[in-house]
Amino acid sequence: MRATWSGSISIGLVNIPVKIYSATKSKKVQFKMLCKEHHLPVHYKMVCENGEELSKDDVVMGIEFEKNSYFIIDSEEIKKLRPKRTDNLEIYEFIDIEQIKPIYYEKSYYIVPQNKKDKAYFLLKELMEEMGKAAIGKVVIKNKEYLVAIQPFEKGLLLSILHFHDEINSMDELENLDEKPEINEKEKELGRMLIQKYYNKDFKLDKYKDTFMEELRELIKKKIEGEEVVVPEEKPKEEHSLIEALKATIEK
């Protein structure tokens, strides 16, 4: 596996040489847009609103400050503003792991030491594990600055890209959350029974599969082999009151 970034974790005067590797992978089927008649790939052209076809040299970057009025920004000016790639991941503070709300996590990477038996790496992992801490820092990857959290994970460290606070939408902007309905004791009791019925203390995430992708691959396989594909119709769901639905589910 190819490393996404290599450099050093920096905590004051302590430097730990590391590499990071993507912790996840996409298994999506890649579709291409094709011409319906000729089954050939569709290509896009850059066209001005007045109908003129453009080359890359004819295009500039602009920001709309009022309707149909733009500030033009030179690409060289933008380059000067971009953070320079460095080989340093600077840690600013340590926090309790539970202080990071799930909504802030964007993407995860494995962090491994560049050197075998790196004492500083394993000391950091062991102490963060023991103390229940995560480290917050910043790193520049491919000229883009990221806010990151580092925490112990299995036999090593996990780096998570975090959303910046101003990228998170507030729930205050959403409807139907401020007026809470009255929930009676019978509904609570049945709800507890429902949760207990579905509770699994031996949870294993690997039992869940992407059934859509599996069915899609099977459909493609059948199409290639010339088989007829019949997609079954979904049956409409029956409507029940909350109490009826809880009781029926518990008794299943």
Protein backbone atom coordinates (compact mmCIF):
# COMPACT_ATOMS: atom_id res chain seq x y z
CA MET A 1 0.00 0.00 0.00
CA ARG A 2 1.30 3.44 -0.91
CA ALA A 3 1.66 6.02 1.87
CA THR A 4 -0.54 9.12 1.53
CA TRP A 5 1.90 11.30 3.48
CA SER A 6 5.18 10.94 5.32
CA GLY A 7 6.76 13.29 7.83
CA SER A 8 6.90 13.78 11.58
CA ILE A 9 4.43 14.24 14.40
CA SER A 10 5.70 17.27 16.29
CA ILE A 11 4.92 17.80 20.00
CA GLY A 12 7.10 20.63 21.27
CA LEU A 13 10.68 19.39 20.81
CA VAL A 14 9.58 15.76 20.33
CA ASN A 15 9.48 14.53 16.71
CA ILE A 16 8.13 11.13 15.68
CA PRO A 17 8.81 10.14 12.02
CA VAL A 18 5.63 8.55 10.63
CA LYS A 19 3.75 7.62 7.49
CA ILE A 20 -0.01 7.67 7.01
CA TYR A 21 -2.05 5.23 4.94
CA SER A 22 -5.72 5.40 4.00
CA ALA A 23 -7.76 3.31 6.44
CA THR A 24 -10.70 2.85 4.08
CA LYS A 25 -11.30 2.03 0.42
CA SER A 26 -14.16 2.53 -2.01
CA LYS A 27 -15.77 -0.55 -3.57
CA LYS A 28 -18.25 1.37 -5.69
CA VAL A 29 -18.95 0.30 -9.27
CA GLN A 30 -17.78 3.08 -11.58
CA PHE A 31 -20.36 4.09 -14.19
CA LYS A 32 -19.57 6.02 -17.37
CA MET A 33 -22.00 8.28 -19.17
CA LEU A 34 -22.53 6.94 -22.70
CA CYS A 35 -24.32 8.13 -25.82
CA LYS A 36 -27.67 6.30 -25.89
CA GLU A 37 -27.41 5.60 -29.65
CA HIS A 38 -23.71 4.71 -30.12
CA HIS A 39 -22.75 3.53 -26.59
CA LEU A 40 -19.66 5.75 -26.68
CA PRO A 41 -18.32 7.87 -23.77
CA VAL A 42 -19.78 11.36 -23.41
CA HIS A 43 -17.29 14.24 -23.17
CA TYR A 44 -17.85 17.72 -21.79
CA LYS A 45 -16.78 20.98 -23.37
CA MET A 46 -16.26 24.33 -21.68
CA VAL A 47 -18.78 26.75 -23.14
CA CYS A 48 -19.34 30.39 -22.22
CA GLU A 49 -22.95 31.46 -21.62
CA ASN A 50 -22.83 33.31 -24.94
CA GLY A 51 -22.23 29.95 -26.68
CA GLU A 52 -18.50 30.31 -27.38
CA GLU A 53 -16.40 27.16 -26.84
CA LEU A 54 -13.36 27.77 -24.60
CA SER A 55 -9.95 26.27 -23.96
CA LYS A 56 -8.30 26.16 -20.51
CA ASP A 57 -6.28 29.27 -21.42
CA ASP A 58 -9.53 31.21 -21.91
CA VAL A 59 -10.75 30.54 -18.36
CA VAL A 60 -10.08 32.66 -15.24
CA MET A 61 -11.23 32.29 -11.63
CA GLY A 62 -13.82 34.68 -10.26
CA ILE A 63 -16.07 35.26 -7.23
CA GLU A 64 -19.58 36.65 -7.66
CA PHE A 65 -20.05 39.61 -5.26
CA GLU A 66 -23.45 40.61 -6.67
CA LYS A 67 -25.72 39.30 -9.42
CA ASN A 68 -23.63 38.90 -12.61
CA SER A 69 -20.72 40.91 -11.19
CA TYR A 70 -17.43 39.18 -10.42
CA PHE A 71 -14.03 39.80 -8.88
CA ILE A 72 -11.36 38.14 -11.01
CA ILE A 73 -8.61 36.45 -8.99
CA ASP A 74 -5.35 35.46 -10.67
CA SER A 75 -4.37 31.80 -10.28
CA GLU A 76 -0.90 32.89 -9.10
CA GLU A 77 -2.54 34.90 -6.29
CA ILE A 78 -4.45 31.80 -5.20
CA LYS A 79 -1.26 29.72 -5.24
CA LYS A 80 0.44 32.19 -2.88
CA LEU A 81 -2.43 31.81 -0.39
CA ARG A 82 -2.35 28.01 -0.41
CA PRO A 83 -0.49 26.44 2.54
CA LYS A 84 2.90 25.02 1.54
CA ARG A 85 3.33 21.28 1.81
CA THR A 86 5.44 20.40 4.86
CA ASP A 87 6.69 17.22 6.50
CA ASN A 88 5.40 18.31 9.91
CA LEU A 89 2.17 17.37 11.67
CA GLU A 90 2.02 19.76 14.64
CA ILE A 91 0.11 18.79 17.78
CA TYR A 92 -1.52 21.75 19.56
CA GLU A 93 -3.29 20.07 22.47
CA PHE A 94 -4.49 16.83 24.05
CA ILE A 95 -8.16 16.33 24.91
CA ASP A 96 -10.46 13.62 26.26
CA ILE A 97 -11.47 11.38 23.33
CA GLU A 98 -15.20 11.76 24.05
CA GLN A 99 -14.91 15.54 23.53
CA ILE A 100 -14.84 14.96 19.75
CA LYS A 101 -18.45 14.68 18.59
CA PRO A 102 -19.09 12.03 15.87
CA ILE A 103 -20.27 14.70 13.41
CA TYR A 104 -16.76 16.16 13.18
CA TYR A 105 -15.15 13.00 11.72
CA GLU A 106 -14.61 13.04 7.95
CA LYS A 107 -11.98 10.43 6.89
CA SER A 108 -9.50 8.18 8.69
CA TYR A 109 -5.90 7.12 8.11
CA TYR A 110 -3.56 4.69 9.84
CA ILE A 111 -0.38 6.21 11.28
CA VAL A 112 2.68 3.94 11.39
CA PRO A 113 6.23 4.71 12.55
CA GLN A 114 8.89 5.08 9.88
CA ASN A 115 11.34 3.19 12.12
CA LYS A 116 10.90 -0.18 13.81
CA LYS A 117 10.54 -0.13 17.60
CA ASP A 118 10.22 3.66 17.64
CA LYS A 119 9.99 4.30 21.38
CA ALA A 120 8.40 7.75 21.06
CA TYR A 121 5.60 6.39 18.80
CA PHE A 122 4.71 3.52 21.11
CA LEU A 123 5.06 5.68 24.22
CA LEU A 124 2.55 8.16 22.72
CA LYS A 125 0.13 5.35 21.81
CA GLU A 126 0.38 3.64 25.18
CA LEU A 127 -0.08 6.82 27.23
CA MET A 128 -3.01 8.12 25.16
CA GLU A 129 -4.66 4.72 25.52
CA GLU A 130 -4.01 4.64 29.27
CA MET A 131 -5.23 8.22 29.80
CA GLY A 132 -8.13 8.14 27.30
CA LYS A 133 -6.75 11.08 25.34
CA ALA A 134 -6.69 12.23 21.72
CA ALA A 135 -4.30 14.74 20.14
CA ILE A 136 -5.51 17.69 18.04
CA GLY A 137 -3.25 19.15 15.36
CA LYS A 138 -2.92 20.34 11.78
CA VAL A 139 -1.18 18.90 8.74
CA VAL A 140 -0.79 20.01 5.11
CA ILE A 141 -1.35 17.27 2.51
CA LYS A 142 -1.12 18.14 -1.19
CA ASN A 143 -1.25 21.91 -0.47
CA LYS A 144 -4.41 21.62 1.63
CA GLU A 145 -4.45 22.20 5.38
CA TYR A 146 -6.40 19.73 7.52
CA LEU A 147 -7.53 19.75 11.13
CA VAL A 148 -6.83 16.28 12.54
CA ALA A 149 -7.30 14.13 15.62
CA ILE A 150 -4.88 11.34 16.55
CA GLN A 151 -5.95 8.57 18.88
CA PRO A 152 -4.88 5.03 19.76
CA PHE A 153 -6.47 2.33 17.62
CA GLU A 154 -5.81 -1.43 17.83
CA LYS A 155 -2.02 -1.90 17.57
CA GLY A 156 -1.20 1.59 16.34
CA LEU A 157 -2.50 5.13 15.93
CA LEU A 158 -5.42 6.46 13.91
CA LEU A 159 -5.47 9.89 12.29
CA SER A 160 -8.93 11.32 11.56
CA ILE A 161 -9.54 14.33 9.34
CA LEU A 162 -11.98 16.60 11.18
CA HIS A 163 -14.44 19.12 9.81
CA PHE A 164 -13.73 22.66 10.95
CA HIS A 165 -16.41 23.99 13.30
CA ASP A 166 -17.80 26.45 10.75
CA GLU A 167 -18.39 23.56 8.31
CA ILE A 168 -20.97 21.99 10.64
CA ASN A 169 -24.61 22.96 10.06
CA SER A 170 -26.50 23.84 13.23
CA MET A 171 -29.52 21.71 14.15
CA ASP A 172 -31.22 24.95 15.22
CA GLU A 173 -31.91 25.58 11.53
CA LEU A 174 -33.98 22.38 11.24
CA GLU A 175 -37.72 21.99 11.65
CA ASN A 176 -39.84 19.72 13.89
CA LEU A 177 -37.29 19.36 16.69
CA ASP A 178 -38.33 22.02 19.20
CA GLU A 179 -41.77 20.67 20.11
CA LYS A 180 -41.38 17.31 21.87
CA PRO A 181 -44.51 15.12 22.07
CA GLU A 182 -45.63 13.63 25.38
CA ILE A 183 -44.45 10.02 25.66
CA ASN A 184 -46.38 7.88 28.12
CA GLU A 185 -44.98 5.13 30.36
CA LYS A 186 -46.53 2.32 28.30
CA GLU A 187 -44.75 3.54 25.17
CA LYS A 188 -41.47 3.79 27.08
CA GLU A 189 -41.86 0.27 28.49
CA LEU A 190 -42.56 -1.22 25.05
CA GLY A 191 -39.66 0.84 23.60
CA ARG A 192 -37.26 -0.57 26.20
CA MET A 193 -38.45 -4.12 25.38
CA LEU A 194 -37.91 -3.43 21.67
CA ILE A 195 -34.35 -2.17 22.24
CA GLN A 196 -33.58 -5.13 24.51
CA LYS A 197 -34.86 -7.54 21.87
CA TYR A 198 -32.48 -6.12 19.27
CA TYR A 199 -29.57 -5.60 21.68
CA ASN A 200 -26.40 -7.51 20.74
CA LYS A 201 -23.51 -7.49 23.20
CA ASP A 202 -21.32 -9.39 20.69
CA PHE A 203 -21.61 -6.78 17.93
CA LYS A 204 -19.44 -7.40 14.85
CA LEU A 205 -19.58 -4.83 12.06
CA ASP A 206 -18.26 -7.29 9.44
CA LYS A 207 -21.62 -9.09 9.32
CA TYR A 208 -23.06 -6.11 7.45
CA LYS A 209 -22.56 -6.04 3.68
CA ASP A 210 -23.31 -3.48 1.01
CA THR A 211 -26.25 -5.43 -0.44
CA PHE A 212 -26.90 -2.81 -3.12
CA MET A 213 -23.38 -3.21 -4.53
CA GLU A 214 -23.62 -7.02 -4.35
CA GLU A 215 -26.95 -6.98 -6.20
CA LEU A 216 -25.58 -4.49 -8.73
CA ARG A 217 -22.56 -6.72 -9.48
CA GLU A 218 -24.91 -9.71 -9.85
CA LEU A 219 -27.11 -7.72 -12.24
CA ILE A 220 -24.04 -6.74 -14.33
CA LYS A 221 -22.90 -10.39 -14.39
CA LYS A 222 -26.32 -11.53 -15.63
CA LYS A 223 -26.39 -8.79 -18.26
CA ILE A 224 -22.95 -9.85 -19.55
CA GLU A 225 -24.10 -13.48 -19.70
CA GLY A 226 -27.28 -12.48 -21.57
CA GLU A 227 -29.70 -13.51 -18.84
CA GLU A 228 -33.06 -11.81 -18.41
CA VAL A 229 -33.18 -9.61 -15.32
CA VAL A 230 -36.46 -9.28 -13.43
CA VAL A 231 -36.60 -6.72 -10.61
CA PRO A 232 -39.32 -7.64 -8.06
CA GLU A 233 -41.81 -4.94 -7.11
CA GLU A 234 -41.78 -3.67 -3.53
CA LYS A 235 -44.89 -4.36 -1.46
CA PRO A 236 -46.45 -1.29 0.18
CA LYS A 237 -45.90 -1.14 3.95
CA GLU A 238 -48.88 -1.48 6.28
CA GLU A 239 -49.58 1.47 8.57
CA HIS A 240 -49.81 0.93 12.34
CA SER A 241 -50.09 3.10 15.41
CA LEU A 242 -46.92 3.42 17.52
CA ILE A 243 -48.25 1.05 20.21
CA GLU A 244 -49.39 -1.53 17.59
CA ALA A 245 -46.04 -1.35 15.79
CA LEU A 246 -44.06 -1.77 19.05
CA LYS A 247 -46.17 -4.72 20.21
CA ALA A 248 -46.11 -6.47 16.81
CA THR A 249 -42.32 -6.08 16.53
CA ILE A 250 -41.69 -7.40 20.07
CA GLU A 251 -43.95 -10.40 19.49
CA LYS A 252 -42.34 -11.36 16.16
